[in-house]
Amino acid sequence: QVQLVESGGGLVQAGGSLRLSCAASGRTFSGSAMGWFRQAPGKEREFVAAISGSGTTTCYADSVKGRATISRDNAKNTMYLQMNSLKPEDTAVYYCASYMWAGPPSRRPSSYDYWGQGTQVTVPS
């Protein structure tokens, strides 16, 4: 069983920064592609960023490209999402997710089989 635990969310003023963390346990971390997704009230869950098991391949949603950096530390079984220049539209619950895959990471939520419980990020307007 894989467990994913997010942390680092909170209330941040527009223009500020935040770093989310996702601690993983239960299976070989480096063999798993990992992703960040978010869900705002009344909206569907949407892709934010993803990273391959080795960390060499990343991809981003257009809405965060240039403002977000996804990374991972396989020695610590932890993934990160650094978000800068935060906007009110970034307000959402942020989830990390994983699946066993050696190739480029997927943007589709259906590809991921384990999810964390989520962490709230609020950027007041």
C-alpha atoms as a PDB file:
ATOM      1  CA  GLN A   1       0.000   0.000   0.000  1.00  0.00           C
ATOM      2  CA  VAL A   2       1.297   3.427  -0.963  1.00  0.00           C
ATOM      3  CA  GLN A   3       0.787   6.404   1.278  1.00  0.00           C
ATOM      4  CA  LEU A   4       1.165   9.981   0.111  1.00  0.00           C
ATOM      5  CA  VAL A   5       1.048  12.884   2.536  1.00  0.00           C
ATOM      6  CA  GLU A   6       1.020  16.489   1.361  1.00  0.00           C
ATOM      7  CA  SER A   7       2.104  19.457   3.422  1.00  0.00           C
ATOM      8  CA  GLY A   8       2.990  23.107   2.982  1.00  0.00           C
ATOM      9  CA  GLY A   9      -0.352  24.588   2.035  1.00  0.00           C
ATOM     10  CA  GLY A  10      -1.738  27.729   3.591  1.00  0.00           C
ATOM     11  CA  LEU A  11      -2.847  31.296   3.082  1.00  0.00           C
ATOM     12  CA  VAL A  12      -0.545  33.320   0.845  1.00  0.00           C
ATOM     13  CA  GLN A  13      -0.966  36.825  -0.482  1.00  0.00           C
ATOM     14  CA  ALA A  14      -1.085  37.359  -4.223  1.00  0.00           C
ATOM     15  CA  GLY A  15       2.410  37.551  -5.619  1.00  0.00           C
ATOM     16  CA  GLY A  16       3.794  35.374  -2.858  1.00  0.00           C
ATOM     17  CA  SER A  17       5.401  31.945  -2.929  1.00  0.00           C
ATOM     18  CA  LEU A  18       4.750  28.540  -1.455  1.00  0.00           C
ATOM     19  CA  ARG A  19       6.461  25.158  -1.479  1.00  0.00           C
ATOM     20  CA  LEU A  20       4.325  22.059  -1.242  1.00  0.00           C
ATOM     21  CA  SER A  21       5.793  18.721  -0.224  1.00  0.00           C
ATOM     22  CA  CYS A  22       4.571  15.181  -0.783  1.00  0.00           C
ATOM     23  CA  ALA A  23       6.083  12.446   1.360  1.00  0.00           C
ATOM     24  CA  ALA A  24       5.697   8.934  -0.011  1.00  0.00           C
ATOM     25  CA  SER A  25       5.974   5.493   1.514  1.00  0.00           C
ATOM     26  CA  GLY A  26       5.115   1.947   0.597  1.00  0.00           C
ATOM     27  CA  ARG A  27       6.858   1.234  -2.703  1.00  0.00           C
ATOM     28  CA  THR A  28       9.958   2.067  -4.655  1.00  0.00           C
ATOM     29  CA  PHE A  29       9.730   5.819  -4.937  1.00  0.00           C
ATOM     30  CA  SER A  30      12.186   6.195  -7.785  1.00  0.00           C
ATOM     31  CA  GLY A  31      10.131   3.781  -9.892  1.00  0.00           C
ATOM     32  CA  SER A  32       7.040   5.961  -9.683  1.00  0.00           C
ATOM     33  CA  ALA A  33       6.004   8.893 -11.800  1.00  0.00           C
ATOM     34  CA  MET A  34       4.536  11.606  -9.595  1.00  0.00           C
ATOM     35  CA  GLY A  35       2.157  14.454 -10.216  1.00  0.00           C
ATOM     36  CA  TRP A  36       0.459  17.444  -8.658  1.00  0.00           C
ATOM     37  CA  PHE A  37      -3.193  18.148  -9.327  1.00  0.00           C
ATOM     38  CA  ARG A  38      -5.575  20.718  -7.891  1.00  0.00           C
ATOM     39  CA  GLN A  39      -9.289  21.135  -7.435  1.00  0.00           C
ATOM     40  CA  ALA A  40     -11.061  24.416  -6.817  1.00  0.00           C
ATOM     41  CA  PRO A  41     -14.614  24.560  -5.425  1.00  0.00           C
ATOM     42  CA  GLY A  42     -17.147  23.652  -8.086  1.00  0.00           C
ATOM     43  CA  LYS A  43     -14.482  22.665 -10.599  1.00  0.00           C
ATOM     44  CA  GLU A  44     -12.995  19.410 -11.801  1.00  0.00           C
ATOM     45  CA  ARG A  45      -9.596  18.234 -10.673  1.00  0.00           C
ATOM     46  CA  GLU A  46      -6.937  19.600 -13.013  1.00  0.00           C
ATOM     47  CA  PHE A  47      -3.345  18.783 -13.802  1.00  0.00           C
ATOM     48  CA  VAL A  48      -0.643  21.089 -12.452  1.00  0.00           C
ATOM     49  CA  ALA A  49       2.734  19.400 -12.948  1.00  0.00           C
ATOM     50  CA  ALA A  50       4.348  15.968 -13.163  1.00  0.00           C
ATOM     51  CA  ILE A  51       7.791  14.439 -12.926  1.00  0.00           C
ATOM     52  CA  SER A  52       9.327  11.152 -13.991  1.00  0.00           C
ATOM     53  CA  GLY A  53      10.751   8.652 -11.533  1.00  0.00           C
ATOM     54  CA  SER A  54      14.320   9.746 -12.230  1.00  0.00           C
ATOM     55  CA  GLY A  55      13.377  13.414 -12.079  1.00  0.00           C
ATOM     56  CA  THR A  56      14.782  14.105 -15.545  1.00  0.00           C
ATOM     57  CA  THR A  57      11.450  14.708 -17.268  1.00  0.00           C
ATOM     58  CA  THR A  58       8.890  17.257 -16.125  1.00  0.00           C
ATOM     59  CA  CYS A  59       5.767  18.819 -17.576  1.00  0.00           C
ATOM     60  CA  TYR A  60       3.503  21.669 -16.528  1.00  0.00           C
ATOM     61  CA  ALA A  61       0.039  23.007 -17.143  1.00  0.00           C
ATOM     62  CA  ASP A  62       0.048  26.211 -19.162  1.00  0.00           C
ATOM     63  CA  SER A  63      -1.601  27.981 -16.236  1.00  0.00           C
ATOM     64  CA  VAL A  64       1.468  27.512 -14.015  1.00  0.00           C
ATOM     65  CA  LYS A  65       4.310  27.294 -16.544  1.00  0.00           C
ATOM     66  CA  GLY A  66       7.027  29.750 -15.609  1.00  0.00           C
ATOM     67  CA  ARG A  67       5.681  30.097 -12.062  1.00  0.00           C
ATOM     68  CA  ALA A  68       5.973  26.520 -10.812  1.00  0.00           C
ATOM     69  CA  THR A  69       8.845  24.095 -10.401  1.00  0.00           C
ATOM     70  CA  ILE A  70       8.327  20.429  -9.653  1.00  0.00           C
ATOM     71  CA  SER A  71      11.179  18.421  -8.196  1.00  0.00           C
ATOM     72  CA  ARG A  72      11.859  15.278  -6.209  1.00  0.00           C
ATOM     73  CA  ASP A  73      14.424  13.899  -3.828  1.00  0.00           C
ATOM     74  CA  ASN A  74      14.448  10.135  -4.230  1.00  0.00           C
ATOM     75  CA  ALA A  75      16.743   9.722  -1.245  1.00  0.00           C
ATOM     76  CA  LYS A  76      14.057  11.332   0.928  1.00  0.00           C
ATOM     77  CA  ASN A  77      11.041   9.809  -0.864  1.00  0.00           C
ATOM     78  CA  THR A  78       9.664  13.307  -1.248  1.00  0.00           C
ATOM     79  CA  MET A  79       8.349  15.412  -4.112  1.00  0.00           C
ATOM     80  CA  TYR A  80       8.013  19.179  -4.131  1.00  0.00           C
ATOM     81  CA  LEU A  81       6.112  21.901  -5.916  1.00  0.00           C
ATOM     82  CA  GLN A  82       7.518  25.406  -5.694  1.00  0.00           C
ATOM     83  CA  MET A  83       4.903  27.971  -6.672  1.00  0.00           C
ATOM     84  CA  ASN A  84       5.835  31.622  -7.226  1.00  0.00           C
ATOM     85  CA  SER A  85       3.862  34.719  -8.210  1.00  0.00           C
ATOM     86  CA  LEU A  86       0.721  33.147  -6.785  1.00  0.00           C
ATOM     87  CA  LYS A  87      -2.625  34.353  -8.069  1.00  0.00           C
ATOM     88  CA  PRO A  88      -6.153  34.135  -6.613  1.00  0.00           C
ATOM     89  CA  GLU A  89      -6.974  31.591  -9.334  1.00  0.00           C
ATOM     90  CA  ASP A  90      -4.362  29.270  -7.814  1.00  0.00           C
ATOM     91  CA  THR A  91      -6.670  28.807  -4.842  1.00  0.00           C
ATOM     92  CA  ALA A  92      -7.511  25.105  -4.612  1.00  0.00           C
ATOM     93  CA  VAL A  93      -6.872  21.890  -2.770  1.00  0.00           C
ATOM     94  CA  TYR A  94      -3.598  20.500  -4.100  1.00  0.00           C
ATOM     95  CA  TYR A  95      -3.140  16.740  -4.357  1.00  0.00           C
ATOM     96  CA  CYS A  96      -0.081  14.652  -5.067  1.00  0.00           C
ATOM     97  CA  ALA A  97      -0.420  11.363  -6.889  1.00  0.00           C
ATOM     98  CA  SER A  98       1.753   8.508  -8.092  1.00  0.00           C
ATOM     99  CA  TYR A  99       1.822   5.458 -10.353  1.00  0.00           C
ATOM    100  CA  MET A 100       4.433   2.899 -11.306  1.00  0.00           C
ATOM    101  CA  TRP A 101       5.868   4.048 -14.624  1.00  0.00           C
ATOM    102  CA  ALA A 102       9.364   4.352 -16.021  1.00  0.00           C
ATOM    103  CA  GLY A 103       8.526   6.656 -18.897  1.00  0.00           C
ATOM    104  CA  PRO A 104       7.466  10.281 -19.226  1.00  0.00           C
ATOM    105  CA  PRO A 105       4.839  11.236 -16.640  1.00  0.00           C
ATOM    106  CA  SER A 106       1.179  11.505 -17.553  1.00  0.00           C
ATOM    107  CA  ARG A 107      -1.044  14.584 -17.314  1.00  0.00           C
ATOM    108  CA  ARG A 108      -4.176  12.469 -16.941  1.00  0.00           C
ATOM    109  CA  PRO A 109      -5.580  11.908 -13.428  1.00  0.00           C
ATOM    110  CA  SER A 110      -6.795   8.468 -14.533  1.00  0.00           C
ATOM    111  CA  SER A 111      -3.171   7.350 -14.972  1.00  0.00           C
ATOM    112  CA  TYR A 112      -2.469   7.741 -11.263  1.00  0.00           C
ATOM    113  CA  ASP A 113      -3.462   5.052  -8.806  1.00  0.00           C
ATOM    114  CA  TYR A 114      -2.471   6.555  -5.461  1.00  0.00           C
ATOM    115  CA  TRP A 115      -3.463   9.950  -4.129  1.00  0.00           C
ATOM    116  CA  GLY A 116      -2.799  12.001  -1.057  1.00  0.00           C
ATOM    117  CA  GLN A 117      -5.464  13.634   1.070  1.00  0.00           C
ATOM    118  CA  GLY A 118      -4.762  17.117  -0.252  1.00  0.00           C
ATOM    119  CA  THR A 119      -3.540  20.412   1.150  1.00  0.00           C
ATOM    120  CA  GLN A 120      -5.397  23.703   0.853  1.00  0.00           C
ATOM    121  CA  VAL A 121      -3.774  26.685  -0.840  1.00  0.00           C
ATOM    122  CA  THR A 122      -5.627  29.980  -0.553  1.00  0.00           C
ATOM    123  CA  VAL A 123      -4.620  33.168  -2.342  1.00  0.00           C
ATOM    124  CA  PRO A 124      -7.053  35.967  -1.448  1.00  0.00           C
ATOM    125  CA  SER A 125      -8.066  38.409  -4.138  1.00  0.00           C
END
